[in-house]
């Protein structure tokens, strides 16, 4: 089901949206100061292209001071606009029953849009095996 959802998502705007993030990230990488932000933008771009069957997870080293500072800078400069865009698209899509699964994907991407440093976008089956392995340890 996630394959079909991703195909429909890509056809109806996911590909163009993801490419916008990737091109924006590449332009941010032209400056040395912008490289960390460009990498996060590219990461969000790939997450935006295929959101079905994936979850936002916190990286094991997510509570670093540098990541917190970068997340604050990201929210002030970029994150609030990206999150607002996802909220707007989710609200519009939630008006119809057919749009509800797609609205859910936009809601899922808000966390990644606000706090990209220290977050990863992984397949759900990998997330469940990571949870099982931490419960056994």
N, C-alpha and C. Protein backbone atom coordinates (compact mmCIF):
# COMPACT_ATOMS: atom_id res chain seq x y z
N UNK A 1 0.82 -1.19 0.00
CA UNK A 1 0.00 0.00 0.00
C UNK A 1 0.86 1.26 0.00
N UNK A 2 2.02 1.19 0.67
CA UNK A 2 2.87 2.38 0.71
C UNK A 2 3.47 2.68 -0.67
N UNK A 3 3.70 1.64 -1.49
CA UNK A 3 4.22 1.87 -2.84
C UNK A 3 3.21 2.66 -3.67
N UNK A 4 1.95 2.25 -3.62
CA UNK A 4 0.91 2.96 -4.36
C UNK A 4 0.75 4.39 -3.85
N UNK A 5 0.77 4.58 -2.54
CA UNK A 5 0.69 5.92 -1.96
C UNK A 5 1.84 6.81 -2.41
N UNK A 6 3.05 6.24 -2.44
CA UNK A 6 4.21 7.02 -2.87
C UNK A 6 4.13 7.38 -4.35
N UNK A 7 3.63 6.47 -5.17
CA UNK A 7 3.49 6.76 -6.60
C UNK A 7 2.49 7.90 -6.82
N UNK A 8 1.34 7.80 -6.16
CA UNK A 8 0.34 8.87 -6.29
C UNK A 8 0.90 10.18 -5.75
N UNK A 9 1.60 10.12 -4.62
CA UNK A 9 2.21 11.30 -4.01
C UNK A 9 3.19 11.96 -4.99
N UNK A 10 4.05 11.16 -5.63
CA UNK A 10 5.03 11.70 -6.55
C UNK A 10 4.37 12.36 -7.76
N UNK A 11 3.33 11.72 -8.28
CA UNK A 11 2.65 12.26 -9.47
C UNK A 11 1.99 13.59 -9.17
N UNK A 12 1.36 13.71 -8.02
CA UNK A 12 0.58 14.90 -7.70
C UNK A 12 1.33 15.92 -6.84
N UNK A 13 2.61 16.07 -7.05
CA UNK A 13 3.35 17.17 -6.43
C UNK A 13 4.52 16.79 -5.56
N UNK A 14 4.62 15.56 -5.13
CA UNK A 14 5.72 15.16 -4.25
C UNK A 14 7.08 15.27 -4.91
N UNK A 15 7.14 14.92 -6.21
CA UNK A 15 8.41 14.98 -6.92
C UNK A 15 8.88 16.43 -7.06
N UNK A 16 7.99 17.31 -7.47
CA UNK A 16 8.36 18.72 -7.63
C UNK A 16 8.73 19.36 -6.30
N UNK A 17 7.98 19.04 -5.26
CA UNK A 17 8.28 19.56 -3.94
C UNK A 17 9.64 19.07 -3.45
N UNK A 18 9.89 17.79 -3.59
CA UNK A 18 11.17 17.22 -3.18
C UNK A 18 12.34 17.80 -3.95
N UNK A 19 12.14 18.00 -5.25
CA UNK A 19 13.21 18.59 -6.06
C UNK A 19 13.46 20.04 -5.66
N UNK A 20 12.42 20.74 -5.24
CA UNK A 20 12.60 22.10 -4.75
C UNK A 20 13.50 22.13 -3.52
N UNK A 21 13.25 21.19 -2.59
CA UNK A 21 14.11 21.10 -1.40
C UNK A 21 15.54 20.75 -1.78
N UNK A 22 15.71 19.81 -2.71
CA UNK A 22 17.05 19.38 -3.11
C UNK A 22 17.79 20.53 -3.79
N UNK A 23 17.13 21.24 -4.70
CA UNK A 23 17.79 22.37 -5.37
C UNK A 23 18.09 23.50 -4.39
N UNK A 24 17.18 23.75 -3.46
CA UNK A 24 17.45 24.74 -2.41
C UNK A 24 18.63 24.32 -1.55
N UNK A 25 18.71 23.04 -1.23
CA UNK A 25 19.83 22.53 -0.44
C UNK A 25 21.15 22.64 -1.18
N UNK A 26 21.12 22.35 -2.47
CA UNK A 26 22.35 22.49 -3.25
C UNK A 26 22.80 23.94 -3.32
N UNK A 27 21.84 24.87 -3.43
CA UNK A 27 22.23 26.29 -3.45
C UNK A 27 22.76 26.73 -2.08
N UNK A 28 22.22 26.17 -0.99
CA UNK A 28 22.76 26.49 0.33
C UNK A 28 24.17 25.94 0.50
N UNK A 29 24.47 24.84 -0.16
CA UNK A 29 25.80 24.23 -0.04
C UNK A 29 26.88 25.01 -0.79
N UNK A 30 26.49 26.03 -1.55
CA UNK A 30 27.49 26.83 -2.26
C UNK A 30 28.34 27.66 -1.30
N UNK A 31 27.82 27.94 -0.11
CA UNK A 31 28.61 28.66 0.88
C UNK A 31 29.02 27.70 1.99
N UNK A 32 30.13 27.94 2.59
CA UNK A 32 30.62 27.06 3.65
C UNK A 32 29.68 27.09 4.85
N UNK A 33 29.17 28.26 5.20
CA UNK A 33 28.27 28.40 6.34
C UNK A 33 26.96 27.66 6.08
N UNK A 34 26.53 27.60 4.84
CA UNK A 34 25.24 27.00 4.51
C UNK A 34 25.27 25.49 4.33
N UNK A 35 26.44 24.87 4.35
CA UNK A 35 26.53 23.43 4.08
C UNK A 35 25.69 22.59 5.04
N UNK A 36 25.75 22.79 6.37
CA UNK A 36 24.91 21.95 7.24
C UNK A 36 23.42 22.13 6.97
N UNK A 37 23.02 23.35 6.65
CA UNK A 37 21.60 23.61 6.36
C UNK A 37 21.21 23.04 5.01
N UNK A 38 22.13 23.08 4.06
CA UNK A 38 21.87 22.49 2.75
C UNK A 38 21.70 20.99 2.82
N UNK A 39 22.51 20.35 3.62
CA UNK A 39 22.39 18.89 3.79
C UNK A 39 21.04 18.53 4.39
N UNK A 40 20.59 19.31 5.38
CA UNK A 40 19.29 19.03 6.00
C UNK A 40 18.15 19.28 5.01
N UNK A 41 18.30 20.31 4.17
CA UNK A 41 17.28 20.58 3.17
C UNK A 41 17.19 19.43 2.16
N UNK A 42 18.33 18.91 1.76
CA UNK A 42 18.34 17.77 0.84
C UNK A 42 17.71 16.55 1.51
N UNK A 43 17.99 16.36 2.79
CA UNK A 43 17.39 15.24 3.55
C UNK A 43 15.87 15.37 3.59
N UNK A 44 15.37 16.59 3.82
CA UNK A 44 13.93 16.82 3.82
C UNK A 44 13.35 16.59 2.43
N UNK A 45 14.11 16.95 1.40
CA UNK A 45 13.67 16.72 0.03
C UNK A 45 13.45 15.26 -0.28
N UNK A 46 14.39 14.42 0.12
CA UNK A 46 14.22 12.98 -0.10
C UNK A 46 13.09 12.41 0.75
N UNK A 47 12.92 12.95 1.95
CA UNK A 47 11.81 12.50 2.80
C UNK A 47 10.47 12.91 2.19
N UNK A 48 10.43 14.07 1.58
CA UNK A 48 9.20 14.56 0.96
C UNK A 48 8.82 13.74 -0.26
N UNK A 49 9.79 13.19 -0.95
CA UNK A 49 9.48 12.42 -2.16
C UNK A 49 8.78 11.10 -1.86
N UNK A 50 9.11 10.45 -0.78
CA UNK A 50 8.51 9.14 -0.47
C UNK A 50 8.15 9.05 1.01
N UNK A 51 7.07 9.69 1.43
CA UNK A 51 6.74 9.67 2.86
C UNK A 51 5.97 8.43 3.33
N UNK A 52 5.30 7.74 2.43
CA UNK A 52 4.51 6.57 2.84
C UNK A 52 5.43 5.42 3.22
N UNK A 53 5.15 4.78 4.35
CA UNK A 53 5.94 3.64 4.81
C UNK A 53 7.21 4.05 5.54
N UNK A 54 7.33 5.30 5.90
CA UNK A 54 8.50 5.80 6.60
C UNK A 54 8.08 6.63 7.80
N UNK A 55 8.96 6.74 8.77
CA UNK A 55 8.69 7.50 9.98
C UNK A 55 9.89 8.39 10.32
N UNK A 56 9.62 9.49 10.97
CA UNK A 56 10.67 10.37 11.48
C UNK A 56 11.13 9.79 12.82
N UNK A 57 12.43 9.53 12.92
CA UNK A 57 12.99 8.98 14.16
C UNK A 57 14.11 9.88 14.64
N UNK A 58 14.33 9.87 15.93
CA UNK A 58 15.41 10.67 16.51
C UNK A 58 16.70 9.87 16.42
N UNK A 59 17.75 10.54 15.97
CA UNK A 59 19.06 9.90 15.88
C UNK A 59 19.61 9.67 17.28
N UNK A 60 20.49 8.67 17.45
CA UNK A 60 21.03 8.39 18.78
C UNK A 60 21.79 9.57 19.40
N UNK A 61 22.39 10.41 18.57
CA UNK A 61 23.16 11.55 19.06
C UNK A 61 22.37 12.85 18.92
N UNK A 62 21.06 12.81 19.11
CA UNK A 62 20.20 13.95 18.79
C UNK A 62 20.18 15.04 19.84
N UNK A 63 20.77 14.85 20.99
CA UNK A 63 20.65 15.85 22.05
C UNK A 63 21.91 16.68 22.22
N UNK A 64 22.66 16.85 21.15
CA UNK A 64 23.87 17.65 21.24
C UNK A 64 23.58 19.14 21.25
N UNK A 65 24.48 19.89 21.84
CA UNK A 65 24.31 21.34 21.93
C UNK A 65 24.37 21.99 20.55
N UNK A 66 25.29 21.54 19.71
CA UNK A 66 25.42 22.10 18.37
C UNK A 66 24.15 21.85 17.55
N UNK A 67 23.59 20.66 17.67
CA UNK A 67 22.34 20.35 16.95
C UNK A 67 21.20 21.23 17.43
N UNK A 68 21.16 21.50 18.72
CA UNK A 68 20.12 22.38 19.26
C UNK A 68 20.27 23.80 18.72
N UNK A 69 21.48 24.29 18.66
CA UNK A 69 21.73 25.64 18.13
C UNK A 69 21.35 25.69 16.65
N UNK A 70 21.75 24.66 15.88
CA UNK A 70 21.40 24.63 14.46
C UNK A 70 19.89 24.52 14.27
N UNK A 71 19.20 23.76 15.12
CA UNK A 71 17.74 23.66 15.01
C UNK A 71 17.08 25.00 15.27
N UNK A 72 17.59 25.77 16.24
CA UNK A 72 17.03 27.09 16.53
C UNK A 72 17.24 28.02 15.33
N UNK A 73 18.44 28.01 14.77
CA UNK A 73 18.71 28.83 13.58
C UNK A 73 17.80 28.39 12.42
N UNK A 74 17.65 27.07 12.26
CA UNK A 74 16.82 26.53 11.18
C UNK A 74 15.37 26.99 11.34
N UNK A 75 14.82 26.91 12.56
CA UNK A 75 13.43 27.32 12.79
C UNK A 75 13.24 28.78 12.44
N UNK A 76 14.17 29.63 12.87
CA UNK A 76 14.04 31.07 12.63
C UNK A 76 14.12 31.40 11.14
N UNK A 77 15.05 30.76 10.42
CA UNK A 77 15.26 31.10 9.02
C UNK A 77 14.37 30.34 8.05
N UNK A 78 14.19 29.04 8.24
CA UNK A 78 13.52 28.22 7.25
C UNK A 78 12.35 27.41 7.79
N UNK A 79 12.52 26.83 8.96
CA UNK A 79 11.60 25.80 9.47
C UNK A 79 10.17 26.25 9.63
N UNK A 80 9.95 27.46 10.12
CA UNK A 80 8.57 27.91 10.36
C UNK A 80 7.81 27.99 9.04
N UNK A 81 8.46 28.44 7.98
CA UNK A 81 7.79 28.54 6.68
C UNK A 81 7.47 27.18 6.09
N UNK A 82 8.42 26.25 6.22
CA UNK A 82 8.19 24.90 5.71
C UNK A 82 7.08 24.23 6.49
N UNK A 83 7.10 24.35 7.82
CA UNK A 83 6.06 23.75 8.66
C UNK A 83 4.69 24.35 8.35
N UNK A 84 4.64 25.65 8.17
CA UNK A 84 3.38 26.32 7.82
C UNK A 84 2.85 25.83 6.48
N UNK A 85 3.74 25.60 5.55
CA UNK A 85 3.34 25.05 4.25
C UNK A 85 2.74 23.65 4.40
N UNK A 86 3.37 22.81 5.21
CA UNK A 86 2.84 21.45 5.43
C UNK A 86 1.50 21.49 6.15
N UNK A 87 1.36 22.39 7.12
CA UNK A 87 0.07 22.52 7.83
C UNK A 87 -1.03 22.97 6.87
N UNK A 88 -0.72 23.93 6.02
CA UNK A 88 -1.70 24.43 5.05
C UNK A 88 -2.12 23.33 4.08
N UNK A 89 -1.14 22.61 3.54
CA UNK A 89 -1.46 21.53 2.60
C UNK A 89 -2.26 20.42 3.29
N UNK A 90 -1.90 20.12 4.53
CA UNK A 90 -2.64 19.08 5.26
C UNK A 90 -4.08 19.51 5.50
N UNK A 91 -4.30 20.76 5.84
CA UNK A 91 -5.66 21.24 6.07
C UNK A 91 -6.50 21.18 4.79
N UNK A 92 -5.90 21.54 3.68
CA UNK A 92 -6.62 21.49 2.41
C UNK A 92 -6.94 20.04 2.03
N UNK A 93 -5.96 19.16 2.18
CA UNK A 93 -6.18 17.76 1.82
C UNK A 93 -7.17 17.06 2.75
N UNK A 94 -7.24 17.50 4.00
CA UNK A 94 -8.13 16.87 4.97
C UNK A 94 -9.60 17.20 4.71
N UNK A 95 -9.88 18.09 3.79
CA UNK A 95 -11.27 18.43 3.47
C UNK A 95 -12.00 17.30 2.77
N UNK A 96 -11.26 16.38 2.16
CA UNK A 96 -11.88 15.25 1.47
C UNK A 96 -11.42 13.95 2.10
N UNK A 97 -12.22 12.93 1.97
CA UNK A 97 -11.87 11.62 2.52
C UNK A 97 -10.67 11.04 1.77
N UNK A 98 -10.62 11.24 0.46
CA UNK A 98 -9.51 10.73 -0.34
C UNK A 98 -8.20 11.40 0.06
N UNK A 99 -8.25 12.64 0.50
CA UNK A 99 -7.04 13.37 0.85
C UNK A 99 -6.51 13.10 2.24
N UNK A 100 -7.26 12.39 3.08
CA UNK A 100 -6.84 12.16 4.47
C UNK A 100 -5.48 11.44 4.59
N UNK A 101 -5.21 10.38 3.83
CA UNK A 101 -3.89 9.75 3.97
C UNK A 101 -2.75 10.69 3.57
N UNK A 102 -3.01 11.55 2.60
CA UNK A 102 -1.98 12.49 2.17
C UNK A 102 -1.81 13.61 3.18
N UNK A 103 -2.90 14.02 3.82
CA UNK A 103 -2.81 15.01 4.89
C UNK A 103 -1.99 14.46 6.05
N UNK A 104 -2.16 13.18 6.35
CA UNK A 104 -1.40 12.54 7.43
C UNK A 104 0.11 12.58 7.13
N UNK A 105 0.47 12.41 5.86
CA UNK A 105 1.89 12.46 5.50
C UNK A 105 2.46 13.87 5.68
N UNK A 106 1.66 14.89 5.36
CA UNK A 106 2.11 16.27 5.58
C UNK A 106 2.30 16.53 7.07
N UNK A 107 1.39 16.03 7.89
CA UNK A 107 1.51 16.21 9.35
C UNK A 107 2.78 15.52 9.85
N UNK A 108 3.09 14.35 9.30
CA UNK A 108 4.28 13.61 9.70
C UNK A 108 5.55 14.38 9.34
N UNK A 109 5.52 15.12 8.24
CA UNK A 109 6.71 15.84 7.79
C UNK A 109 6.96 17.13 8.57
N UNK A 110 5.99 17.59 9.36
CA UNK A 110 6.15 18.83 10.11
C UNK A 110 7.30 18.72 11.12
N UNK A 111 7.40 17.58 11.81
CA UNK A 111 8.48 17.40 12.78
C UNK A 111 9.84 17.50 12.12
N UNK A 112 9.97 16.91 10.94
CA UNK A 112 11.23 16.97 10.20
C UNK A 112 11.49 18.39 9.69
N UNK A 113 10.43 19.11 9.33
CA UNK A 113 10.60 20.47 8.83
C UNK A 113 11.04 21.43 9.93
N UNK A 114 10.58 21.22 11.14
CA UNK A 114 10.94 22.10 12.24
C UNK A 114 12.30 21.77 12.85
N UNK A 115 12.59 20.50 13.03
CA UNK A 115 13.81 20.08 13.71
C UNK A 115 14.56 19.04 12.87
N UNK A 116 15.22 19.43 11.78
CA UNK A 116 15.87 18.42 10.93
C UNK A 116 17.18 17.88 11.50
N UNK A 117 17.85 18.68 12.32
CA UNK A 117 19.11 18.22 12.89
C UNK A 117 18.82 17.21 14.00
N UNK A 118 19.41 16.03 13.89
CA UNK A 118 19.18 14.98 14.88
C UNK A 118 17.97 14.12 14.57
N UNK A 119 17.39 14.26 13.39
CA UNK A 119 16.25 13.44 12.99
C UNK A 119 16.60 12.72 11.69
N UNK A 120 16.07 11.52 11.53
CA UNK A 120 16.22 10.74 10.31
C UNK A 120 14.85 10.27 9.85
N UNK A 121 14.75 9.93 8.59
CA UNK A 121 13.52 9.43 8.02
C UNK A 121 13.79 8.00 7.58
N UNK A 122 13.26 7.02 8.34
CA UNK A 122 13.58 5.61 8.08
C UNK A 122 12.33 4.82 7.74
N UNK A 123 12.55 3.70 7.06
CA UNK A 123 11.45 2.80 6.76
C UNK A 123 10.87 2.25 8.05
N UNK A 124 9.55 2.02 8.07
CA UNK A 124 8.88 1.56 9.29
C UNK A 124 9.41 0.22 9.77
N UNK A 125 9.74 -0.69 8.86
CA UNK A 125 10.23 -1.99 9.30
C UNK A 125 11.59 -1.86 9.97
N UNK A 126 12.43 -0.93 9.52
CA UNK A 126 13.71 -0.68 10.18
C UNK A 126 13.49 -0.06 11.55
N UNK A 127 12.51 0.83 11.66
CA UNK A 127 12.21 1.45 12.94
C UNK A 127 11.76 0.40 13.94
N UNK A 128 10.90 -0.54 13.52
CA UNK A 128 10.41 -1.56 14.44
C UNK A 128 11.53 -2.51 14.87
N UNK A 129 12.48 -2.83 13.97
CA UNK A 129 13.59 -3.69 14.38
C UNK A 129 14.54 -2.95 15.31
N UNK A 130 14.71 -1.63 15.12
CA UNK A 130 15.52 -0.85 16.05
C UNK A 130 14.90 -0.84 17.43
N UNK A 131 13.57 -0.71 17.49
CA UNK A 131 12.88 -0.70 18.78
C UNK A 131 13.00 -2.07 19.46
N UNK A 132 12.87 -3.15 18.69
CA UNK A 132 12.99 -4.48 19.27
C UNK A 132 14.39 -4.71 19.81
N UNK A 133 15.42 -4.24 19.08
CA UNK A 133 16.78 -4.47 19.53
C UNK A 133 17.10 -3.66 20.78
N UNK A 134 16.51 -2.47 20.94
CA UNK A 134 16.76 -1.70 22.15
C UNK A 134 15.99 -2.28 23.34
N UNK A 135 14.87 -2.93 23.09
CA UNK A 135 14.12 -3.55 24.18
C UNK A 135 14.82 -4.80 24.69
N UNK A 136 15.57 -5.48 23.83
CA UNK A 136 16.26 -6.69 24.24
C UNK A 136 17.53 -6.38 25.02
N UNK A 137 18.12 -5.24 24.78
CA UNK A 137 19.39 -4.90 25.42
C UNK A 137 19.20 -4.47 26.86
